[in-house]
Amino acid sequence: MVDVGAKAPSRREATASATVMLGPTAFHLLVNNQLAKGDVLTVAQLAGIMASKHTSGLIPLCHPLPLDHTAVSFRLDERLNGVVITATCRTTGRTGVEMEALTSASVAALTIYDMCKAVSHDIVITDVKLLRKSGGKRDFNGNQT
């Protein structure tokens, strides 16, 4: 593990995203809350939040962080027949929360896959990426060129 003990604590935030392409049948059932396993987006939101809290147990050498906040939101994209997931994590600490945000978005995507797989196995999880981070040595905004 990297020694972060000499760093001063600062407010840090990171936002990550993932996209789940479901296909027309699963997308229609998700939008109309008709999937057998229940309310997919509510369960995926909870899974993403819970995953952010367990990141250090999943990713070797990742520091455990006291999270101040995690938010997981969804945008339904009819053109893709998919769901775009956005996860944001905040902490005040000595190291960033990028891995927590990425883990949150990834586990939310996996949860959507799990809850829709009875309808289709043609589901694709794609574009898992860091969108932006602030705090620490340098900020990052993936929307800038």
N, C-alpha and C. Protein backbone atom coordinates (compact mmCIF):
# COMPACT_ATOMS: atom_id res chain seq x y z
N MET A 1 0.83 -1.18 0.00
CA MET A 1 0.00 0.00 0.00
C MET A 1 0.88 1.24 0.00
N VAL A 2 0.42 2.25 -0.66
CA VAL A 2 1.14 3.52 -0.68
C VAL A 2 0.95 4.22 0.66
N ASP A 3 2.03 4.78 1.21
CA ASP A 3 1.97 5.50 2.48
C ASP A 3 1.42 6.90 2.23
N VAL A 4 0.21 7.16 2.73
CA VAL A 4 -0.41 8.48 2.56
C VAL A 4 -0.42 9.27 3.87
N GLY A 5 0.28 8.77 4.87
CA GLY A 5 0.26 9.37 6.20
C GLY A 5 0.75 10.80 6.27
N ALA A 6 1.65 11.19 5.38
CA ALA A 6 2.19 12.55 5.41
C ALA A 6 1.30 13.56 4.69
N LYS A 7 0.33 13.08 3.95
CA LYS A 7 -0.57 13.99 3.22
C LYS A 7 -1.56 14.63 4.17
N ALA A 8 -1.90 15.87 3.89
CA ALA A 8 -2.93 16.55 4.67
C ALA A 8 -4.30 16.10 4.17
N PRO A 9 -5.24 15.87 5.09
CA PRO A 9 -6.59 15.52 4.65
C PRO A 9 -7.21 16.66 3.85
N SER A 10 -7.96 16.31 2.83
CA SER A 10 -8.69 17.31 2.04
C SER A 10 -10.00 16.70 1.56
N ARG A 11 -10.91 17.56 1.17
CA ARG A 11 -12.20 17.10 0.65
C ARG A 11 -11.96 16.56 -0.76
N ARG A 12 -12.43 15.35 -1.00
CA ARG A 12 -12.22 14.70 -2.28
C ARG A 12 -13.53 14.16 -2.81
N GLU A 13 -13.68 14.24 -4.12
CA GLU A 13 -14.89 13.76 -4.77
C GLU A 13 -14.53 13.13 -6.10
N ALA A 14 -15.23 12.06 -6.46
CA ALA A 14 -15.02 11.43 -7.76
C ALA A 14 -16.37 10.96 -8.29
N THR A 15 -16.51 11.05 -9.61
CA THR A 15 -17.71 10.59 -10.29
C THR A 15 -17.30 9.64 -11.40
N ALA A 16 -17.97 8.49 -11.45
CA ALA A 16 -17.71 7.48 -12.47
C ALA A 16 -19.03 7.09 -13.12
N SER A 17 -18.92 6.44 -14.28
CA SER A 17 -20.13 6.00 -14.95
C SER A 17 -19.93 4.62 -15.56
N ALA A 18 -21.04 4.00 -15.90
CA ALA A 18 -21.06 2.73 -16.61
C ALA A 18 -22.35 2.71 -17.41
N THR A 19 -22.34 1.97 -18.50
CA THR A 19 -23.54 1.84 -19.34
C THR A 19 -23.90 0.37 -19.45
N VAL A 20 -25.18 0.07 -19.32
CA VAL A 20 -25.69 -1.29 -19.49
C VAL A 20 -26.66 -1.28 -20.65
N MET A 21 -26.29 -1.95 -21.74
CA MET A 21 -27.16 -2.06 -22.91
C MET A 21 -27.96 -3.36 -22.78
N LEU A 22 -29.27 -3.22 -22.66
CA LEU A 22 -30.14 -4.33 -22.32
C LEU A 22 -30.79 -5.02 -23.51
N GLY A 23 -30.96 -4.31 -24.60
CA GLY A 23 -31.79 -4.81 -25.69
C GLY A 23 -33.23 -4.38 -25.46
N PRO A 24 -34.05 -4.42 -26.51
CA PRO A 24 -35.41 -3.84 -26.42
C PRO A 24 -36.33 -4.54 -25.42
N THR A 25 -36.30 -5.85 -25.32
CA THR A 25 -37.23 -6.56 -24.44
C THR A 25 -36.93 -6.27 -22.97
N ALA A 26 -35.69 -6.47 -22.55
CA ALA A 26 -35.32 -6.22 -21.16
C ALA A 26 -35.49 -4.74 -20.81
N PHE A 27 -35.15 -3.85 -21.74
CA PHE A 27 -35.29 -2.42 -21.48
C PHE A 27 -36.75 -2.07 -21.24
N HIS A 28 -37.64 -2.57 -22.08
CA HIS A 28 -39.07 -2.31 -21.92
C HIS A 28 -39.56 -2.81 -20.57
N LEU A 29 -39.16 -4.01 -20.18
CA LEU A 29 -39.58 -4.56 -18.90
C LEU A 29 -39.02 -3.75 -17.72
N LEU A 30 -37.78 -3.31 -17.84
CA LEU A 30 -37.18 -2.49 -16.79
C LEU A 30 -37.93 -1.16 -16.65
N VAL A 31 -38.17 -0.49 -17.78
CA VAL A 31 -38.84 0.80 -17.76
C VAL A 31 -40.22 0.69 -17.11
N ASN A 32 -40.90 -0.42 -17.37
CA ASN A 32 -42.25 -0.62 -16.85
C ASN A 32 -42.28 -1.39 -15.53
N ASN A 33 -41.10 -1.59 -14.93
CA ASN A 33 -40.96 -2.28 -13.65
C ASN A 33 -41.70 -3.63 -13.65
N GLN A 34 -41.45 -4.42 -14.71
CA GLN A 34 -42.14 -5.70 -14.87
C GLN A 34 -41.19 -6.90 -14.82
N LEU A 35 -39.97 -6.70 -14.35
CA LEU A 35 -39.04 -7.82 -14.26
C LEU A 35 -39.34 -8.65 -13.01
N ALA A 36 -39.15 -9.96 -13.13
CA ALA A 36 -39.53 -10.89 -12.06
C ALA A 36 -38.81 -10.62 -10.74
N LYS A 37 -37.57 -10.16 -10.80
CA LYS A 37 -36.80 -9.95 -9.56
C LYS A 37 -37.16 -8.65 -8.84
N GLY A 38 -38.02 -7.82 -9.45
CA GLY A 38 -38.46 -6.62 -8.75
C GLY A 38 -37.94 -5.32 -9.34
N ASP A 39 -37.88 -4.31 -8.50
CA ASP A 39 -37.50 -2.96 -8.90
C ASP A 39 -36.00 -2.87 -9.11
N VAL A 40 -35.60 -3.03 -10.35
CA VAL A 40 -34.18 -3.15 -10.71
C VAL A 40 -33.38 -1.92 -10.30
N LEU A 41 -33.89 -0.75 -10.59
CA LEU A 41 -33.09 0.46 -10.34
C LEU A 41 -32.91 0.73 -8.85
N THR A 42 -33.93 0.45 -8.05
CA THR A 42 -33.78 0.64 -6.60
C THR A 42 -32.76 -0.33 -6.03
N VAL A 43 -32.83 -1.59 -6.46
CA VAL A 43 -31.88 -2.59 -5.97
C VAL A 43 -30.47 -2.25 -6.44
N ALA A 44 -30.33 -1.84 -7.71
CA ALA A 44 -29.01 -1.48 -8.24
C ALA A 44 -28.44 -0.25 -7.53
N GLN A 45 -29.29 0.69 -7.17
CA GLN A 45 -28.83 1.87 -6.44
C GLN A 45 -28.27 1.46 -5.08
N LEU A 46 -29.00 0.63 -4.37
CA LEU A 46 -28.52 0.15 -3.07
C LEU A 46 -27.23 -0.66 -3.22
N ALA A 47 -27.16 -1.50 -4.24
CA ALA A 47 -25.95 -2.30 -4.46
C ALA A 47 -24.74 -1.41 -4.72
N GLY A 48 -24.93 -0.36 -5.52
CA GLY A 48 -23.83 0.57 -5.80
C GLY A 48 -23.36 1.30 -4.57
N ILE A 49 -24.29 1.73 -3.74
CA ILE A 49 -23.92 2.41 -2.50
C ILE A 49 -23.17 1.46 -1.57
N MET A 50 -23.71 0.26 -1.41
CA MET A 50 -23.05 -0.72 -0.54
C MET A 50 -21.66 -1.08 -1.06
N ALA A 51 -21.52 -1.22 -2.37
CA ALA A 51 -20.23 -1.57 -2.96
C ALA A 51 -19.18 -0.50 -2.68
N SER A 52 -19.59 0.77 -2.73
CA SER A 52 -18.62 1.85 -2.48
C SER A 52 -18.02 1.71 -1.09
N LYS A 53 -18.80 1.22 -0.14
CA LYS A 53 -18.34 1.06 1.24
C LYS A 53 -17.40 -0.13 1.42
N HIS A 54 -17.38 -1.04 0.45
CA HIS A 54 -16.58 -2.26 0.55
C HIS A 54 -15.42 -2.30 -0.45
N THR A 55 -15.12 -1.19 -1.07
CA THR A 55 -14.10 -1.17 -2.13
C THR A 55 -12.76 -1.70 -1.65
N SER A 56 -12.31 -1.29 -0.48
CA SER A 56 -10.97 -1.71 -0.01
C SER A 56 -10.91 -3.21 0.23
N GLY A 57 -12.03 -3.86 0.43
CA GLY A 57 -12.05 -5.31 0.59
C GLY A 57 -12.07 -6.06 -0.73
N LEU A 58 -12.34 -5.34 -1.80
CA LEU A 58 -12.41 -5.94 -3.13
C LEU A 58 -11.17 -5.68 -3.97
N ILE A 59 -10.58 -4.51 -3.81
CA ILE A 59 -9.44 -4.08 -4.63
C ILE A 59 -8.17 -4.16 -3.77
N PRO A 60 -7.24 -5.04 -4.12
CA PRO A 60 -6.01 -5.15 -3.32
C PRO A 60 -5.26 -3.81 -3.25
N LEU A 61 -4.73 -3.52 -2.11
CA LEU A 61 -3.92 -2.32 -1.83
C LEU A 61 -4.70 -1.02 -1.88
N CYS A 62 -6.02 -1.09 -1.91
CA CYS A 62 -6.86 0.10 -1.89
C CYS A 62 -7.12 0.48 -0.43
N HIS A 63 -6.85 1.73 -0.08
CA HIS A 63 -7.03 2.19 1.29
C HIS A 63 -8.51 2.17 1.68
N PRO A 64 -8.83 1.75 2.90
CA PRO A 64 -10.22 1.90 3.38
C PRO A 64 -10.49 3.38 3.68
N LEU A 65 -11.62 3.87 3.20
CA LEU A 65 -11.94 5.29 3.36
C LEU A 65 -13.26 5.47 4.09
N PRO A 66 -13.33 6.46 4.97
CA PRO A 66 -14.63 6.81 5.55
C PRO A 66 -15.37 7.72 4.56
N LEU A 67 -16.38 7.18 3.92
CA LEU A 67 -17.11 7.96 2.92
C LEU A 67 -18.08 8.93 3.60
N ASP A 68 -18.09 10.16 3.12
CA ASP A 68 -19.05 11.14 3.60
C ASP A 68 -20.38 10.98 2.87
N HIS A 69 -20.30 10.54 1.60
CA HIS A 69 -21.53 10.46 0.78
C HIS A 69 -21.27 9.60 -0.45
N THR A 70 -22.27 8.84 -0.84
CA THR A 70 -22.29 8.14 -2.12
C THR A 70 -23.66 8.33 -2.73
N ALA A 71 -23.71 8.68 -4.01
CA ALA A 71 -24.97 8.82 -4.73
C ALA A 71 -24.87 8.02 -6.02
N VAL A 72 -25.92 7.28 -6.34
CA VAL A 72 -25.98 6.51 -7.58
C VAL A 72 -27.26 6.91 -8.29
N SER A 73 -27.11 7.34 -9.54
CA SER A 73 -28.29 7.74 -10.32
C SER A 73 -28.28 7.04 -11.67
N PHE A 74 -29.43 7.07 -12.33
CA PHE A 74 -29.60 6.36 -13.59
C PHE A 74 -30.26 7.28 -14.61
N ARG A 75 -29.84 7.12 -15.86
CA ARG A 75 -30.51 7.77 -16.98
C ARG A 75 -30.90 6.68 -17.96
N LEU A 76 -32.18 6.58 -18.24
CA LEU A 76 -32.66 5.59 -19.20
C LEU A 76 -32.48 6.15 -20.60
N ASP A 77 -31.79 5.40 -21.45
CA ASP A 77 -31.48 5.85 -22.81
C ASP A 77 -32.20 4.93 -23.79
N GLU A 78 -33.32 5.42 -24.31
CA GLU A 78 -34.15 4.62 -25.22
C GLU A 78 -33.40 4.29 -26.51
N ARG A 79 -32.56 5.20 -26.97
CA ARG A 79 -31.80 4.97 -28.19
C ARG A 79 -30.88 3.76 -28.05
N LEU A 80 -30.28 3.61 -26.87
CA LEU A 80 -29.39 2.48 -26.60
C LEU A 80 -30.13 1.25 -26.07
N ASN A 81 -31.41 1.44 -25.71
CA ASN A 81 -32.11 0.42 -24.92
C ASN A 81 -31.25 0.08 -23.71
N GLY A 82 -30.81 1.13 -23.04
CA GLY A 82 -29.87 0.92 -21.96
C GLY A 82 -30.02 1.90 -20.81
N VAL A 83 -29.18 1.67 -19.82
CA VAL A 83 -29.15 2.49 -18.62
C VAL A 83 -27.75 3.04 -18.45
N VAL A 84 -27.65 4.35 -18.29
CA VAL A 84 -26.37 4.99 -17.98
C VAL A 84 -26.36 5.27 -16.49
N ILE A 85 -25.37 4.72 -15.83
CA ILE A 85 -25.23 4.82 -14.37
C ILE A 85 -24.19 5.87 -14.05
N THR A 86 -24.49 6.71 -13.07
CA THR A 86 -23.51 7.68 -12.58
C THR A 86 -23.40 7.50 -11.07
N ALA A 87 -22.17 7.36 -10.60
CA ALA A 87 -21.90 7.19 -9.16
C ALA A 87 -20.91 8.26 -8.71
N THR A 88 -21.26 8.94 -7.64
CA THR A 88 -20.39 9.97 -7.07
C THR A 88 -20.12 9.65 -5.61
N CYS A 89 -18.85 9.71 -5.24
CA CYS A 89 -18.43 9.47 -3.85
C CYS A 89 -17.66 10.67 -3.34
N ARG A 90 -17.85 10.96 -2.02
CA ARG A 90 -17.12 12.05 -1.37
C ARG A 90 -16.54 11.58 -0.06
N THR A 91 -15.37 12.12 0.25
CA THR A 91 -14.73 11.87 1.54
C THR A 91 -13.88 13.08 1.91
N THR A 92 -13.47 13.12 3.15
CA THR A 92 -12.42 14.03 3.58
C THR A 92 -11.30 13.12 4.07
N GLY A 93 -10.21 13.10 3.33
CA GLY A 93 -9.16 12.16 3.66
C GLY A 93 -7.87 12.45 2.93
N ARG A 94 -6.96 11.48 2.97
CA ARG A 94 -5.61 11.64 2.43
C ARG A 94 -5.44 10.99 1.06
N THR A 95 -6.47 10.31 0.58
CA THR A 95 -6.38 9.67 -0.73
C THR A 95 -7.73 9.77 -1.42
N GLY A 96 -7.73 9.66 -2.72
CA GLY A 96 -8.92 9.90 -3.52
C GLY A 96 -9.96 8.80 -3.46
N VAL A 97 -11.13 9.09 -4.01
CA VAL A 97 -12.26 8.16 -3.98
C VAL A 97 -12.62 7.65 -5.38
N GLU A 98 -11.64 7.68 -6.30
CA GLU A 98 -11.92 7.20 -7.65
C GLU A 98 -12.34 5.73 -7.66
N MET A 99 -11.62 4.90 -6.89
CA MET A 99 -11.93 3.47 -6.90
C MET A 99 -13.31 3.20 -6.31
N GLU A 100 -13.71 3.97 -5.32
CA GLU A 100 -15.04 3.80 -4.73
C GLU A 100 -16.12 4.15 -5.75
N ALA A 101 -15.93 5.24 -6.49
CA ALA A 101 -16.92 5.62 -7.50
C ALA A 101 -16.97 4.59 -8.63
N LEU A 102 -15.81 4.13 -9.09
CA LEU A 102 -15.77 3.11 -10.15
C LEU A 102 -16.39 1.79 -9.69
N THR A 103 -16.11 1.40 -8.45
CA THR A 103 -16.69 0.17 -7.91
C THR A 103 -18.20 0.30 -7.79
N SER A 104 -18.65 1.44 -7.34
CA SER A 104 -20.08 1.69 -7.19
C SER A 104 -20.81 1.57 -8.53
N ALA A 105 -20.29 2.23 -9.56
CA ALA A 105 -20.92 2.17 -10.89
C ALA A 105 -20.87 0.75 -11.45
N SER A 106 -19.76 0.06 -11.24
CA SER A 106 -19.60 -1.30 -11.76
C SER A 106 -20.56 -2.28 -11.11
N VAL A 107 -20.69 -2.21 -9.80
CA VAL A 107 -21.57 -3.14 -9.10
C VAL A 107 -23.04 -2.82 -9.39
N ALA A 108 -23.37 -1.56 -9.55
CA ALA A 108 -24.73 -1.21 -9.97
C ALA A 108 -25.02 -1.82 -11.34
N ALA A 109 -24.05 -1.75 -12.25
CA ALA A 109 -24.21 -2.35 -13.59
C ALA A 109 -24.36 -3.87 -13.50
N LEU A 110 -23.54 -4.51 -12.69
CA LEU A 110 -23.64 -5.96 -12.52
C LEU A 110 -24.99 -6.36 -11.92
N THR A 111 -25.51 -5.54 -11.04
CA THR A 111 -26.81 -5.82 -10.44
C THR A 111 -27.92 -5.73 -11.48
N ILE A 112 -27.85 -4.73 -12.33
CA ILE A 112 -28.83 -4.63 -13.42
C ILE A 112 -28.74 -5.87 -14.31
N TYR A 113 -27.52 -6.28 -14.64
CA TYR A 113 -27.33 -7.49 -15.45
C TYR A 113 -27.99 -8.68 -14.75
N ASP A 114 -27.69 -8.87 -13.49
CA ASP A 114 -28.23 -10.02 -12.75
C ASP A 114 -29.75 -10.03 -12.75
N MET A 115 -30.36 -8.87 -12.57
CA MET A 115 -31.81 -8.82 -12.45
C MET A 115 -32.51 -8.91 -13.80
N CYS A 116 -31.77 -8.73 -14.90
CA CYS A 116 -32.36 -8.79 -16.24
C CYS A 116 -31.96 -10.03 -17.02
N LYS A 117 -31.04 -10.81 -16.53
CA LYS A 117 -30.48 -11.92 -17.30
C LYS A 117 -31.49 -13.03 -17.62
N ALA A 118 -32.56 -13.14 -16.86
CA ALA A 118 -33.58 -14.14 -17.16
C ALA A 118 -34.29 -13.83 -18.48
N VAL A 119 -34.27 -12.57 -18.87
CA VAL A 119 -34.94 -12.15 -20.10
C VAL A 119 -33.99 -12.21 -21.29
N SER A 120 -32.70 -11.90 -21.06
CA SER A 120 -31.73 -11.86 -22.16
C SER A 120 -30.31 -12.01 -21.62
N HIS A 121 -29.50 -12.75 -22.37
CA HIS A 121 -28.07 -12.82 -22.05
C HIS A 121 -27.25 -11.97 -23.02
N ASP A 122 -27.93 -11.19 -23.85
CA ASP A 122 -27.24 -10.29 -24.79
C ASP A 122 -26.97 -8.93 -24.17
N ILE A 123 -26.99 -8.85 -22.87
CA ILE A 123 -26.75 -7.60 -22.15
C ILE A 123 -25.26 -7.30 -22.19
N VAL A 124 -24.93 -6.03 -22.43
CA VAL A 124 -23.53 -5.62 -22.50
C VAL A 124 -23.29 -4.49 -21.50
N ILE A 125 -22.28 -4.69 -20.66
CA ILE A 125 -21.82 -3.63 -19.76
C ILE A 125 -20.61 -2.99 -20.42
N THR A 126 -20.67 -1.67 -20.56
CA THR A 126 -19.62 -0.98 -21.31
C THR A 126 -19.33 0.38 -20.69
N ASP A 127 -18.25 0.99 -21.16
CA ASP A 127 -17.91 2.37 -20.81
C ASP A 127 -17.82 2.64 -19.32
N VAL A 128 -17.23 1.72 -18.57
CA VAL A 128 -16.96 1.98 -17.16
C VAL A 128 -15.78 2.94 -17.12
N LYS A 129 -15.99 4.14 -16.58
CA LYS A 129 -14.92 5.14 -16.64
C LYS A 129 -15.07 6.20 -15.56
N LEU A 130 -13.94 6.80 -15.25
CA LEU A 130 -13.91 7.95 -14.36
C LEU A 130 -14.29 9.18 -15.16
N LEU A 131 -15.28 9.92 -14.69
CA LEU A 131 -15.70 11.14 -15.37
C LEU A 131 -14.96 12.36 -14.86
N ARG A 132 -14.80 12.42 -13.53
CA ARG A 132 -14.10 13.57 -12.94
C ARG A 132 -13.71 13.25 -11.51
N LYS A 133 -12.71 13.98 -11.03
CA LYS A 133 -12.31 13.89 -9.63
C LYS A 133 -11.78 15.24 -9.21
N SER A 134 -11.93 15.53 -7.92
CA SER A 134 -11.39 16.77 -7.38
C SER A 134 -10.83 16.50 -6.00
N GLY A 135 -9.90 17.37 -5.61
CA GLY A 135 -9.19 17.20 -4.34
C GLY A 135 -7.87 16.51 -4.61
N GLY A 136 -6.97 16.57 -3.68
CA GLY A 136 -5.67 15.94 -3.87
C GLY A 136 -4.75 16.79 -4.73
N LYS A 137 -3.73 16.14 -5.34
CA LYS A 137 -2.72 16.86 -6.12
C LYS A 137 -3.28 17.53 -7.37
N ARG A 138 -4.13 16.81 -8.10
CA ARG A 138 -4.64 17.37 -9.35
C ARG A 138 -6.07 16.90 -9.59
N ASP A 139 -6.84 17.80 -10.15
CA ASP A 139 -8.20 17.47 -10.52
C ASP A 139 -8.22 16.83 -11.90
N PHE A 140 -9.31 16.15 -12.21
CA PHE A 140 -9.45 15.51 -13.51
C PHE A 140 -10.88 15.72 -13.96
N ASN A 141 -11.05 16.11 -15.21
CA ASN A 141 -12.38 16.22 -15.81
C ASN A 141 -12.30 15.54 -17.16
N GLY A 142 -12.89 14.37 -17.27
CA GLY A 142 -12.84 13.58 -18.49
C GLY A 142 -13.56 14.21 -19.67
N ASN A 143 -14.35 15.25 -19.40
CA ASN A 143 -15.08 15.92 -20.49
C ASN A 143 -14.21 16.93 -21.22
N GLN A 144 -13.06 17.27 -20.65
CA GLN A 144 -12.17 18.23 -21.30
C GLN A 144 -11.26 17.50 -22.29
N THR A 145 -10.87 18.18 -23.35
CA THR A 145 -9.98 17.57 -24.34
C THR A 145 -8.54 17.83 -24.03
